[in-house]
PDB file of N, CA and C in Angstrom:
ATOM      1  N   MET A   1      93.204 125.696 122.392  1.00  0.00           N
ATOM      2  CA  MET A   1      94.030 126.865 122.182  1.00  0.00           C
ATOM      3  C   MET A   1      93.155 128.111 122.327  1.00  0.00           C
ATOM      4  N   SER A   2      93.694 129.122 122.959  1.00  0.00           N
ATOM      5  CA  SER A   2      92.939 130.350 123.188  1.00  0.00           C
ATOM      6  C   SER A   2      93.200 131.356 122.069  1.00  0.00           C
ATOM      7  N   GLU A   3      92.315 132.357 121.994  1.00  0.00           N
ATOM      8  CA  GLU A   3      92.492 133.419 121.007  1.00  0.00           C
ATOM      9  C   GLU A   3      93.620 134.343 121.443  1.00  0.00           C
ATOM     10  N   ARG A   4      94.161 135.059 120.494  1.00  0.00           N
ATOM     11  CA  ARG A   4      95.213 136.030 120.792  1.00  0.00           C
ATOM     12  C   ARG A   4      94.604 137.233 121.502  1.00  0.00           C
ATOM     13  N   ALA A   5      95.373 137.831 122.352  1.00  0.00           N
ATOM     14  CA  ALA A   5      94.918 139.012 123.074  1.00  0.00           C
ATOM     15  C   ALA A   5      94.889 140.214 122.137  1.00  0.00           C
ATOM     16  N   ALA A   6      93.937 141.075 122.328  1.00  0.00           N
ATOM     17  CA  ALA A   6      93.811 142.289 121.530  1.00  0.00           C
ATOM     18  C   ALA A   6      94.167 143.486 122.403  1.00  0.00           C
ATOM     19  N   PRO A   7      94.751 144.524 121.820  1.00  0.00           N
ATOM     20  CA  PRO A   7      95.056 145.723 122.609  1.00  0.00           C
ATOM     21  C   PRO A   7      93.761 146.410 123.044  1.00  0.00           C
ATOM     22  N   PHE A   8      93.794 147.033 124.205  1.00  0.00           N
ATOM     23  CA  PHE A   8      92.618 147.723 124.731  1.00  0.00           C
ATOM     24  C   PHE A   8      92.558 149.175 124.281  1.00  0.00           C
ATOM     25  N   TYR A   9      93.717 149.766 123.977  1.00  0.00           N
ATOM     26  CA  TYR A   9      93.749 151.169 123.586  1.00  0.00           C
ATOM     27  C   TYR A   9      94.933 151.431 122.662  1.00  0.00           C
ATOM     28  N   CYS A  10      94.870 152.527 121.936  1.00  0.00           N
ATOM     29  CA  CYS A  10      95.928 152.931 121.014  1.00  0.00           C
ATOM     30  C   CYS A  10      97.148 153.400 121.823  1.00  0.00           C
ATOM     31  N   PRO A  11      98.352 152.925 121.495  1.00  0.00           N
ATOM     32  CA  PRO A  11      99.538 153.366 122.235  1.00  0.00           C
ATOM     33  C   PRO A  11      99.934 154.815 121.937  1.00  0.00           C
ATOM     34  N   TYR A  12      99.334 155.425 120.925  1.00  0.00           N
ATOM     35  CA  TYR A  12      99.671 156.803 120.553  1.00  0.00           C
ATOM     36  C   TYR A  12      98.710 157.827 121.147  1.00  0.00           C
ATOM     37  N   CYS A  13      97.391 157.569 121.031  1.00  0.00           N
ATOM     38  CA  CYS A  13      96.429 158.567 121.504  1.00  0.00           C
ATOM     39  C   CYS A  13      95.590 158.081 122.684  1.00  0.00           C
ATOM     40  N   GLY A  14      95.596 156.789 122.967  1.00  0.00           N
ATOM     41  CA  GLY A  14      94.846 156.258 124.097  1.00  0.00           C
ATOM     42  C   GLY A  14      93.401 155.922 123.804  1.00  0.00           C
ATOM     43  N   ASP A  15      92.942 156.163 122.594  1.00  0.00           N
ATOM     44  CA  ASP A  15      91.553 155.874 122.243  1.00  0.00           C
ATOM     45  C   ASP A  15      91.331 154.360 122.159  1.00  0.00           C
ATOM     46  N   GLU A  16      90.083 153.936 122.331  1.00  0.00           N
ATOM     47  CA  GLU A  16      89.744 152.521 122.337  1.00  0.00           C
ATOM     48  C   GLU A  16      89.113 152.042 121.032  1.00  0.00           C
ATOM     49  N   ASP A  17      89.015 152.913 120.032  1.00  0.00           N
ATOM     50  CA  ASP A  17      88.376 152.551 118.761  1.00  0.00           C
ATOM     51  C   ASP A  17      89.403 151.902 117.823  1.00  0.00           C
ATOM     52  N   LEU A  18      89.747 150.651 118.101  1.00  0.00           N
ATOM     53  CA  LEU A  18      90.746 149.927 117.324  1.00  0.00           C
ATOM     54  C   LEU A  18      90.094 148.858 116.474  1.00  0.00           C
ATOM     55  N   ARG A  19      90.685 148.642 115.307  1.00  0.00           N
ATOM     56  CA  ARG A  19      90.198 147.604 114.395  1.00  0.00           C
ATOM     57  C   ARG A  19      91.389 146.825 113.858  1.00  0.00           C
ATOM     58  N   PRO A  20      91.222 145.513 113.640  1.00  0.00           N
ATOM     59  CA  PRO A  20      92.320 144.745 113.029  1.00  0.00           C
ATOM     60  C   PRO A  20      92.657 145.301 111.654  1.00  0.00           C
ATOM     61  N   SER A  21      93.923 145.342 111.330  1.00  0.00           N
ATOM     62  CA  SER A  21      94.383 145.850 110.042  1.00  0.00           C
ATOM     63  C   SER A  21      94.580 144.698 109.067  1.00  0.00           C
ATOM     64  N   GLU A  22      94.511 145.010 107.800  1.00  0.00           N
ATOM     65  CA  GLU A  22      94.754 144.011 106.762  1.00  0.00           C
ATOM     66  C   GLU A  22      96.243 143.841 106.476  1.00  0.00           C
ATOM     67  N   GLN A  23      97.094 144.568 107.204  1.00  0.00           N
ATOM     68  CA  GLN A  23      98.536 144.534 106.964  1.00  0.00           C
ATOM     69  C   GLN A  23      99.206 143.262 107.443  1.00  0.00           C
ATOM     70  N   GLY A  24      98.504 142.465 108.225  1.00  0.00           N
ATOM     71  CA  GLY A  24      99.107 141.216 108.670  1.00  0.00           C
ATOM     72  C   GLY A  24      98.805 140.906 110.119  1.00  0.00           C
ATOM     73  N   HIS A  25      99.411 139.836 110.596  1.00  0.00           N
ATOM     74  CA  HIS A  25      99.169 139.364 111.951  1.00  0.00           C
ATOM     75  C   HIS A  25      99.649 140.388 112.980  1.00  0.00           C
ATOM     76  N   GLY A  26      98.799 140.708 113.932  1.00  0.00           N
ATOM     77  CA  GLY A  26      99.164 141.639 114.992  1.00  0.00           C
ATOM     78  C   GLY A  26      99.064 143.099 114.623  1.00  0.00           C
ATOM     79  N   ALA A  27      98.551 143.406 113.446  1.00  0.00           N
ATOM     80  CA  ALA A  27      98.444 144.798 112.999  1.00  0.00           C
ATOM     81  C   ALA A  27      97.069 145.359 113.354  1.00  0.00           C
ATOM     82  N   TRP A  28      97.059 146.596 113.830  1.00  0.00           N
ATOM     83  CA  TRP A  28      95.832 147.266 114.254  1.00  0.00           C
ATOM     84  C   TRP A  28      95.790 148.674 113.706  1.00  0.00           C
ATOM     85  N   GLU A  29      94.579 149.207 113.547  1.00  0.00           N
ATOM     86  CA  GLU A  29      94.375 150.585 113.097  1.00  0.00           C
ATOM     87  C   GLU A  29      93.533 151.318 114.122  1.00  0.00           C
ATOM     88  N   CYS A  30      93.894 152.560 114.407  1.00  0.00           N
ATOM     89  CA  CYS A  30      93.140 153.402 115.324  1.00  0.00           C
ATOM     90  C   CYS A  30      92.301 154.379 114.496  1.00  0.00           C
ATOM     91  N   ALA A  31      90.991 154.334 114.696  1.00  0.00           N
ATOM     92  CA  ALA A  31      90.098 155.219 113.945  1.00  0.00           C
ATOM     93  C   ALA A  31      90.185 156.657 114.450  1.00  0.00           C
ATOM     94  N   ALA A  32      90.605 156.869 115.685  1.00  0.00           N
ATOM     95  CA  ALA A  32      90.653 158.212 116.257  1.00  0.00           C
ATOM     96  C   ALA A  32      91.829 159.030 115.724  1.00  0.00           C
ATOM     97  N   CYS A  33      93.015 158.428 115.658  1.00  0.00           N
ATOM     98  CA  CYS A  33      94.190 159.199 115.235  1.00  0.00           C
ATOM     99  C   CYS A  33      94.736 158.750 113.873  1.00  0.00           C
ATOM    100  N   SER A  34      94.075 157.796 113.245  1.00  0.00           N
ATOM    101  CA  SER A  34      94.442 157.309 111.907  1.00  0.00           C
ATOM    102  C   SER A  34      95.858 156.748 111.847  1.00  0.00           C
ATOM    103  N   ARG A  35      96.300 156.136 112.935  1.00  0.00           N
ATOM    104  CA  ARG A  35      97.612 155.486 112.941  1.00  0.00           C
ATOM    105  C   ARG A  35      97.427 153.978 112.875  1.00  0.00           C
ATOM    106  N   ALA A  36      98.403 153.320 112.309  1.00  0.00           N
ATOM    107  CA  ALA A  36      98.437 151.866 112.276  1.00  0.00           C
ATOM    108  C   ALA A  36      99.673 151.417 113.047  1.00  0.00           C
ATOM    109  N   PHE A  37      99.546 150.338 113.773  1.00  0.00           N
ATOM    110  CA  PHE A  37     100.677 149.816 114.544  1.00  0.00           C
ATOM    111  C   PHE A  37     100.597 148.304 114.580  1.00  0.00           C
ATOM    112  N   GLN A  38     101.691 147.680 114.955  1.00  0.00           N
ATOM    113  CA  GLN A  38     101.756 146.231 114.995  1.00  0.00           C
ATOM    114  C   GLN A  38     102.329 145.791 116.340  1.00  0.00           C
ATOM    115  N   LEU A  39     101.705 144.782 116.918  1.00  0.00           N
ATOM    116  CA  LEU A  39     102.158 144.220 118.183  1.00  0.00           C
ATOM    117  C   LEU A  39     102.903 142.926 117.909  1.00  0.00           C
ATOM    118  N   LYS A  40     103.966 142.707 118.670  1.00  0.00           N
ATOM    119  CA  LYS A  40     104.756 141.503 118.474  1.00  0.00           C
ATOM    120  C   LYS A  40     105.275 141.017 119.816  1.00  0.00           C
ATOM    121  N   PHE A  41     105.023 139.770 120.121  1.00  0.00           N
ATOM    122  CA  PHE A  41     105.544 139.160 121.333  1.00  0.00           C
ATOM    123  C   PHE A  41     106.945 138.646 121.040  1.00  0.00           C
ATOM    124  N   LEU A  42     107.918 139.106 121.798  1.00  0.00           N
ATOM    125  CA  LEU A  42     109.300 138.736 121.541  1.00  0.00           C
ATOM    126  C   LEU A  42     109.718 137.471 122.273  1.00  0.00           C
ATOM    127  N   GLY A  43     109.114 137.178 123.401  1.00  0.00           N
ATOM    128  CA  GLY A  43     109.454 135.978 124.149  1.00  0.00           C
ATOM    129  C   GLY A  43     109.600 136.271 125.625  1.00  0.00           C
ATOM    130  N   LEU A  44     109.975 135.257 126.370  1.00  0.00           N
ATOM    131  CA  LEU A  44     110.166 135.391 127.807  1.00  0.00           C
ATOM    132  C   LEU A  44     111.642 135.534 128.118  1.00  0.00           C
ATOM    133  N   LEU A  45     111.945 136.350 129.104  1.00  0.00           N
ATOM    134  CA  LEU A  45     113.323 136.514 129.539  1.00  0.00           C
ATOM    135  C   LEU A  45     113.688 135.401 130.499  1.00  0.00           C
ATOM    136  N   ALA A  46     114.883 134.917 130.386  1.00  0.00           N
ATOM    137  CA  ALA A  46     115.369 133.902 131.310  1.00  0.00           C
ATOM    138  C   ALA A  46     115.638 134.562 132.659  1.00  0.00           C
ATOM    139  N   PRO A  47     115.464 133.828 133.756  1.00  0.00           N
ATOM    140  CA  PRO A  47     115.757 134.407 135.072  1.00  0.00           C
ATOM    141  C   PRO A  47     117.207 134.900 135.124  1.00  0.00           C
ATOM    142  N   GLY A  48     117.388 136.090 135.666  1.00  0.00           N
ATOM    143  CA  GLY A  48     118.725 136.663 135.782  1.00  0.00           C
ATOM    144  C   GLY A  48     119.194 137.408 134.554  1.00  0.00           C
ATOM    145  N   THR A  49     118.354 137.497 133.524  1.00  0.00           N
ATOM    146  CA  THR A  49     118.722 138.225 132.318  1.00  0.00           C
ATOM    147  C   THR A  49     118.636 139.719 132.587  1.00  0.00           C
ATOM    148  N   PRO A  50     119.709 140.468 132.328  1.00  0.00           N
ATOM    149  CA  PRO A  50     119.642 141.918 132.540  1.00  0.00           C
ATOM    150  C   PRO A  50     118.655 142.546 131.552  1.00  0.00           C
ATOM    151  N   SER A  51     117.891 143.494 132.031  1.00  0.00           N
ATOM    152  CA  SER A  51     116.916 144.141 131.156  1.00  0.00           C
ATOM    153  C   SER A  51     117.477 145.441 130.620  1.00  0.00           C
ATOM    154  N   ASN A  52     116.905 145.897 129.513  1.00  0.00           N
ATOM    155  CA  ASN A  52     117.303 147.143 128.873  1.00  0.00           C
ATOM    156  C   ASN A  52     116.327 148.225 129.338  1.00  0.00           C
ATOM    157  N   HIS A  53     116.648 148.925 130.434  1.00  0.00           N
ATOM    158  CA  HIS A  53     115.759 149.920 131.001  1.00  0.00           C
ATOM    159  C   HIS A  53     115.757 151.235 130.252  1.00  0.00           C
ATOM    160  N   SER A  54     116.681 151.416 129.322  1.00  0.00           N
ATOM    161  CA  SER A  54     116.746 152.692 128.604  1.00  0.00           C
ATOM    162  C   SER A  54     115.634 152.800 127.576  1.00  0.00           C
ATOM    163  N   GLY A  55     114.995 151.680 127.207  1.00  0.00           N
ATOM    164  CA  GLY A  55     113.935 151.718 126.221  1.00  0.00           C
ATOM    165  C   GLY A  55     114.430 151.695 124.800  1.00  0.00           C
ATOM    166  N   ARG A  56     115.726 151.584 124.609  1.00  0.00           N
ATOM    167  CA  ARG A  56     116.289 151.554 123.265  1.00  0.00           C
ATOM    168  C   ARG A  56     116.798 150.152 122.957  1.00  0.00           C
ATOM    169  N   GLU A  57     116.694 149.793 121.697  1.00  0.00           N
ATOM    170  CA  GLU A  57     117.230 148.509 121.275  1.00  0.00           C
ATOM    171  C   GLU A  57     118.753 148.571 121.262  1.00  0.00           C
ATOM    172  N   GLN A  58     119.360 147.468 121.650  1.00  0.00           N
ATOM    173  CA  GLN A  58     120.807 147.409 121.595  1.00  0.00           C
ATOM    174  C   GLN A  58     121.229 146.969 120.205  1.00  0.00           C
ATOM    175  N   ILE A  59     122.287 147.573 119.709  1.00  0.00           N
ATOM    176  CA  ILE A  59     122.767 147.239 118.360  1.00  0.00           C
ATOM    177  C   ILE A  59     123.907 146.258 118.462  1.00  0.00           C
TER     178      ILE A  59
END
């Protein structure tokens, strides 16, 4: 089994000074902008599944 992938840069400021957070699995902290964020893999889309291009979650 391979290790989980780590983010290369902060999604908010673009800095590369990231550290794992104690908040749980997939949580990271950016030392440059003092933000914390969490990454989550949702799964694979089935072929032919329409995508949500608006960037908003459907309710």
